[in-house]
Amino acid sequence: MRVATAPINWNNDDLPELRPTMPVDQVLAEMARAGYEGTEYGTGFPTESQALRRVLSRHGLSLASCFCFLSLEEQRSHAEEIARAVSVARILADAGVQELILGLRGTPERLALAGRVPPDGSAGLTERQWRTMAGGIHALAAACEPLQVRVSVHPHAGSFLETREEIEQFLFYTDETAVGVCVDAGHLVYGGADPVEVVRSCGARVRYIHLKDVNASVLGASRRERWSFLEALKHYVFCDLGCGCVDLAHFVDALRSIAFNGWMVIEEDTSPDPPFLAAQRNRHYLQERLGV
């Protein structure tokens, strides 16, 4: 496993008011100083391949991937959304990256239900929408294939792929040879799933990891108070590794049991502490307590 982190921990696109924007060079320098070997692509990074390679090389970092949110449940959006994702995949391919991470964007109403999605499927996709979305995902995967970039889909709080039942629907409607899974331990817990079980169930489809821990008290409050996902982030629902309710040791054991050897990206998204300190603590925990 290779260990990276993400610029969202420094400059959060969802909550730009969280702290002043930090220059990309400073973000990358702090990542390297905290002990990471890679980063995800983020806002403000160069789009031209040589410039991107130079800035990464300057800090001794590799590019792991990029997270891309798309809306694919309606056919009319496919051409524009897929074209946007392929433009990102070209940047990744030029940097030697082989994985594009895809999120399935929800509506504002669905975002407001994050962590409290009704189990009866009333707030989810219809069968027609699932089939349409799967068609869009497969079309994107086919468009990325000449670039030698694969697509892995990320179950995400507030998206149309959040709950364990929805993950099962996704696995049913998509081709395991064409589309992988990005497992995010924090988002799975937020949506009510068990990350260890998901890893073991998905097996070889697991191609990429986002590692988070979850503050159970904040998660409980978000459900009682009916917070949106963004409101939960403001209350620091994701916490330092080892300080929350995710069974991190068994999660890493599960990854080893399926011989996972891709990127593990540590994310916390929001922290009351300076991003460098949180990143440094998380990297130390992963190395010293979990041997990664």
Protein backbone atom coordinates (compact mmCIF):
# COMPACT_ATOMS: atom_id res chain seq x y z
CA MET A 1 0.00 0.00 0.00
CA ARG A 2 1.15 3.51 -0.85
CA VAL A 3 0.06 6.33 1.46
CA ALA A 4 -1.14 9.71 0.22
CA THR A 5 -3.27 12.53 1.55
CA ALA A 6 -5.63 15.02 -0.08
CA PRO A 7 -5.60 18.80 -0.56
CA ILE A 8 -9.18 18.98 0.72
CA ASN A 9 -7.68 18.70 4.21
CA TRP A 10 -6.01 22.08 3.58
CA ASN A 11 -8.37 23.82 1.13
CA ASN A 12 -11.90 22.47 1.46
CA ASP A 13 -13.89 23.17 -1.72
CA ASP A 14 -17.17 22.40 0.05
CA LEU A 15 -16.44 24.78 2.95
CA PRO A 16 -14.16 27.51 1.57
CA GLU A 17 -14.97 29.69 4.57
CA LEU A 18 -13.32 27.18 6.90
CA ARG A 19 -9.88 28.78 6.69
CA PRO A 20 -7.91 31.07 4.37
CA THR A 21 -6.86 29.47 1.10
CA MET A 22 -3.35 28.07 1.24
CA PRO A 23 -1.05 28.19 -1.83
CA VAL A 24 -0.58 24.83 -3.55
CA ASP A 25 3.19 24.86 -3.01
CA GLN A 26 2.69 25.27 0.73
CA VAL A 27 0.10 22.49 0.80
CA LEU A 28 2.44 20.08 -1.00
CA ALA A 29 5.39 21.05 1.17
CA GLU A 30 3.39 20.31 4.31
CA MET A 31 2.23 16.97 2.90
CA ALA A 32 5.81 15.93 2.22
CA ARG A 33 6.97 17.15 5.64
CA ALA A 34 4.21 15.13 7.31
CA GLY A 35 5.55 11.95 5.69
CA TYR A 36 3.27 11.28 2.71
CA GLU A 37 4.46 10.00 -0.66
CA GLY A 38 1.50 11.15 -2.70
CA THR A 39 -1.39 13.56 -3.08
CA GLU A 40 -4.70 13.65 -4.85
CA TYR A 41 -5.26 16.33 -7.48
CA GLY A 42 -6.88 19.46 -6.09
CA THR A 43 -8.17 22.92 -6.90
CA GLY A 44 -5.36 25.23 -7.98
CA PHE A 45 -3.09 22.44 -9.22
CA PRO A 46 -1.58 22.96 -12.70
CA THR A 47 -3.61 21.48 -15.53
CA GLU A 48 -0.67 21.33 -17.95
CA SER A 49 1.21 18.04 -17.57
CA GLN A 50 4.78 19.37 -17.45
CA ALA A 51 3.88 22.07 -14.93
CA LEU A 52 2.08 19.49 -12.80
CA ARG A 53 5.03 17.13 -12.91
CA ARG A 54 7.38 19.95 -11.92
CA VAL A 55 5.39 21.03 -8.87
CA LEU A 56 4.99 17.45 -7.66
CA SER A 57 8.65 16.66 -8.27
CA ARG A 58 9.69 19.77 -6.36
CA HIS A 59 8.14 18.23 -3.24
CA GLY A 60 8.97 14.58 -3.94
CA LEU A 61 5.30 13.59 -4.29
CA SER A 62 3.42 11.33 -6.69
CA LEU A 63 -0.11 11.92 -7.93
CA ALA A 64 -2.56 9.29 -6.68
CA SER A 65 -5.80 10.27 -8.42
CA CYS A 66 -8.58 12.86 -8.52
CA PHE A 67 -12.12 12.74 -7.15
CA CYS A 68 -14.76 13.73 -9.68
CA PHE A 69 -18.48 14.19 -8.82
CA LEU A 70 -20.89 13.52 -11.71
CA SER A 71 -24.66 13.39 -12.19
CA LEU A 72 -25.48 10.38 -14.35
CA GLU A 73 -28.95 9.26 -13.29
CA GLU A 74 -30.55 11.06 -16.26
CA GLN A 75 -29.51 10.33 -19.84
CA ARG A 76 -29.65 13.98 -20.91
CA SER A 77 -26.68 14.82 -18.68
CA HIS A 78 -24.37 12.04 -19.89
CA ALA A 79 -22.56 13.75 -22.77
CA GLU A 80 -21.57 16.83 -20.78
CA GLU A 81 -20.75 15.01 -17.55
CA ILE A 82 -18.70 12.28 -19.20
CA ALA A 83 -16.76 14.83 -21.26
CA ARG A 84 -15.92 16.70 -18.07
CA ALA A 85 -14.66 13.53 -16.39
CA VAL A 86 -12.61 12.50 -19.44
CA SER A 87 -10.85 15.88 -19.38
CA VAL A 88 -9.82 15.09 -15.80
CA ALA A 89 -8.74 11.59 -16.82
CA ARG A 90 -6.45 13.10 -19.49
CA ILE A 91 -4.67 15.15 -16.82
CA LEU A 92 -4.27 12.00 -14.73
CA ALA A 93 -3.03 9.95 -17.68
CA ASP A 94 -0.40 12.57 -18.52
CA ALA A 95 0.84 12.25 -14.93
CA GLY A 96 0.99 8.45 -15.13
CA VAL A 97 -2.07 7.90 -12.94
CA GLN A 98 -4.22 4.85 -13.62
CA GLU A 99 -7.33 5.52 -11.51
CA LEU A 100 -10.14 8.09 -11.70
CA ILE A 101 -12.34 8.28 -8.59
CA LEU A 102 -15.99 8.90 -9.36
CA GLY A 103 -18.71 10.18 -7.04
CA LEU A 104 -22.40 9.99 -7.97
CA ARG A 105 -23.72 13.41 -7.07
CA GLY A 106 -27.03 13.60 -5.22
CA THR A 107 -29.65 16.32 -5.22
CA PRO A 108 -29.74 19.05 -2.52
CA GLU A 109 -32.58 17.08 -0.92
CA ARG A 110 -30.47 13.92 -0.85
CA LEU A 111 -27.48 15.82 0.55
CA ALA A 112 -29.69 17.03 3.40
CA LEU A 113 -30.58 13.38 4.21
CA ALA A 114 -26.98 12.18 4.53
CA GLY A 115 -26.72 9.62 7.31
CA ARG A 116 -30.50 9.33 7.56
CA VAL A 117 -31.50 7.82 4.21
CA PRO A 118 -34.84 5.96 4.56
CA PRO A 119 -34.26 2.20 4.25
CA ASP A 120 -37.33 1.76 2.03
CA GLY A 121 -35.55 3.31 -0.97
CA SER A 122 -38.01 6.21 -1.22
CA ALA A 123 -35.19 8.76 -1.38
CA GLY A 124 -33.07 6.73 -3.78
CA LEU A 125 -32.95 5.96 -7.46
CA THR A 126 -35.58 4.08 -9.42
CA GLU A 127 -34.64 0.97 -11.37
CA ARG A 128 -34.64 3.05 -14.55
CA GLN A 129 -32.28 5.58 -12.97
CA TRP A 130 -29.95 2.84 -11.73
CA ARG A 131 -29.75 1.39 -15.23
CA THR A 132 -29.20 4.85 -16.72
CA MET A 133 -26.50 5.63 -14.18
CA ALA A 134 -24.77 2.31 -14.77
CA GLY A 135 -24.82 3.01 -18.50
CA GLY A 136 -23.15 6.36 -17.88
CA ILE A 137 -20.50 4.81 -15.65
CA HIS A 138 -19.75 2.15 -18.26
CA ALA A 139 -19.57 4.78 -21.00
CA LEU A 140 -17.10 6.77 -18.92
CA ALA A 141 -15.01 3.68 -18.25
CA ALA A 142 -14.92 2.93 -21.98
CA ALA A 143 -13.90 6.51 -22.78
CA CYS A 144 -11.08 6.32 -20.23
CA GLU A 145 -9.78 2.95 -21.40
CA PRO A 146 -7.65 4.35 -24.29
CA LEU A 147 -6.01 6.63 -21.71
CA GLN A 148 -5.20 3.56 -19.58
CA VAL A 149 -7.18 5.09 -16.74
CA ARG A 150 -9.68 2.95 -14.83
CA VAL A 151 -12.80 4.18 -13.05
CA SER A 152 -13.52 3.43 -9.40
CA VAL A 153 -16.76 4.62 -7.82
CA HIS A 154 -16.79 6.15 -4.33
CA PRO A 155 -19.83 5.59 -2.06
CA HIS A 156 -20.23 9.04 -0.51
CA ALA A 157 -22.46 10.64 2.11
CA GLY A 158 -25.13 12.78 0.49
CA SER A 159 -24.75 11.08 -2.89
CA PHE A 160 -27.00 8.55 -4.61
CA LEU A 161 -24.55 5.85 -3.51
CA GLU A 162 -24.38 6.00 0.29
CA THR A 163 -26.08 3.10 2.09
CA ARG A 164 -25.10 -0.56 2.14
CA GLU A 165 -28.24 -1.36 0.15
CA GLU A 166 -27.25 1.16 -2.51
CA ILE A 167 -23.76 -0.31 -2.70
CA GLU A 168 -25.38 -3.67 -3.38
CA GLN A 169 -27.45 -2.08 -6.16
CA PHE A 170 -24.32 -0.53 -7.64
CA LEU A 171 -22.50 -3.87 -7.62
CA PHE A 172 -25.50 -5.54 -9.28
CA TYR A 173 -25.87 -3.02 -12.10
CA THR A 174 -22.20 -2.51 -12.96
CA ASP A 175 -19.63 -4.74 -14.64
CA GLU A 176 -16.96 -5.87 -12.20
CA THR A 177 -14.39 -6.06 -14.99
CA ALA A 178 -15.02 -2.44 -16.04
CA VAL A 179 -15.64 -0.54 -12.81
CA GLY A 180 -13.93 -0.72 -9.42
CA VAL A 181 -14.76 0.56 -5.95
CA CYS A 182 -13.10 3.29 -3.90
CA VAL A 183 -13.75 2.35 -0.28
CA ASP A 184 -13.97 5.30 2.10
CA ALA A 185 -14.12 4.02 5.66
CA GLY A 186 -15.55 7.26 7.06
CA HIS A 187 -18.27 7.70 4.47
CA LEU A 188 -19.34 4.06 4.81
CA VAL A 189 -19.80 4.46 8.56
CA TYR A 190 -21.64 7.74 7.98
CA GLY A 191 -24.04 5.89 5.68
CA GLY A 192 -24.53 3.01 8.12
CA ALA A 193 -22.27 0.40 6.51
CA ASP A 194 -19.40 -1.64 7.97
CA PRO A 195 -16.16 -0.83 6.10
CA VAL A 196 -14.59 -4.18 7.00
CA GLU A 197 -17.56 -6.10 5.60
CA VAL A 198 -17.61 -3.95 2.45
CA VAL A 199 -13.93 -4.61 1.74
CA ARG A 200 -14.37 -8.35 2.18
CA SER A 201 -17.55 -8.38 0.12
CA CYS A 202 -16.14 -6.33 -2.77
CA GLY A 203 -12.81 -8.15 -2.82
CA ALA A 204 -10.86 -7.55 -6.02
CA ARG A 205 -13.16 -4.67 -7.01
CA VAL A 206 -11.52 -2.57 -4.26
CA ARG A 207 -8.95 -0.48 -6.13
CA TYR A 208 -8.53 2.64 -4.01
CA ILE A 209 -8.93 3.64 -0.37
CA HIS A 210 -9.89 6.79 1.49
CA LEU A 211 -9.09 6.38 5.17
CA LYS A 212 -11.00 8.38 7.78
CA ASP A 213 -12.13 7.94 11.36
CA VAL A 214 -15.55 9.06 12.62
CA ASN A 215 -16.48 10.88 15.82
CA ALA A 216 -19.45 8.79 16.98
CA SER A 217 -20.82 11.55 19.20
CA VAL A 218 -20.90 14.05 16.34
CA LEU A 219 -22.42 11.46 14.00
CA GLY A 220 -25.12 10.73 16.57
CA ALA A 221 -25.84 14.44 16.99
CA SER A 222 -26.04 14.92 13.22
CA ARG A 223 -28.73 12.24 13.04
CA ARG A 224 -30.70 13.53 16.04
CA GLU A 225 -30.51 17.16 14.94
CA ARG A 226 -31.03 16.28 11.25
CA TRP A 227 -27.89 18.10 10.12
CA SER A 228 -26.84 18.13 6.50
CA PHE A 229 -23.54 16.51 5.63
CA LEU A 230 -21.88 19.93 5.33
CA GLU A 231 -23.13 20.86 8.79
CA ALA A 232 -21.66 17.65 10.16
CA LEU A 233 -18.32 18.56 8.56
CA LYS A 234 -18.44 21.92 10.35
CA HIS A 235 -18.78 19.99 13.61
CA TYR A 236 -15.75 17.83 12.70
CA VAL A 237 -17.58 14.53 12.22
CA PHE A 238 -14.33 13.10 10.84
CA CYS A 239 -11.58 13.01 13.44
CA ASP A 240 -7.95 11.98 13.90
CA LEU A 241 -7.24 8.32 13.16
CA GLY A 242 -7.65 6.25 16.33
CA CYS A 243 -9.92 8.79 18.01
CA GLY A 244 -13.20 7.59 16.51
CA CYS A 245 -15.40 4.54 16.02
CA VAL A 246 -13.92 3.03 12.83
CA ASP A 247 -12.27 -0.35 13.48
CA LEU A 248 -9.08 0.69 11.74
CA ALA A 249 -7.01 -2.37 12.68
CA HIS A 250 -9.55 -4.81 11.24
CA PHE A 251 -10.06 -2.54 8.23
CA VAL A 252 -6.35 -2.69 7.37
CA ASP A 253 -6.36 -6.44 8.04
CA ALA A 254 -9.24 -6.82 5.58
CA LEU A 255 -7.26 -4.90 2.94
CA ARG A 256 -4.31 -7.20 3.47
CA SER A 257 -6.58 -10.24 3.21
CA ILE A 258 -7.62 -9.22 -0.33
CA ALA A 259 -3.99 -8.36 -1.22
CA PHE A 260 -4.82 -4.70 -1.78
CA ASN A 261 -1.73 -2.88 -3.09
CA GLY A 262 -3.03 0.48 -4.32
CA TRP A 263 -3.19 3.97 -2.87
CA MET A 264 -4.50 4.63 0.63
CA VAL A 265 -5.41 8.30 0.94
CA ILE A 266 -5.78 9.70 4.45
CA GLU A 267 -8.55 12.29 4.60
CA GLU A 268 -10.03 14.18 7.53
CA ASP A 269 -11.69 16.93 5.47
CA THR A 270 -12.10 19.31 8.41
CA SER A 271 -10.14 19.68 11.64
CA PRO A 272 -10.05 22.30 14.41
CA ASP A 273 -6.25 22.10 14.25
CA PRO A 274 -3.87 23.35 11.54
CA PRO A 275 -3.96 20.86 8.62
CA PHE A 276 -0.26 20.02 8.91
CA LEU A 277 -0.59 18.92 12.53
CA ALA A 278 -3.62 16.73 11.80
CA ALA A 279 -1.91 15.22 8.76
CA GLN A 280 1.25 14.52 10.72
CA ARG A 281 -0.67 12.84 13.58
CA ASN A 282 -2.63 10.68 11.15
CA ARG A 283 0.45 9.56 9.24
CA HIS A 284 2.21 8.69 12.51
CA TYR A 285 -0.79 6.69 13.74
CA LEU A 286 -1.05 4.71 10.52
CA GLN A 287 2.64 3.90 10.56
CA GLU A 288 3.16 3.22 14.26
CA ARG A 289 -0.13 1.53 15.15
CA LEU A 290 -1.15 -0.16 11.91
CA GLY A 291 2.19 -0.76 10.21
CA VAL A 292 1.35 1.04 6.97
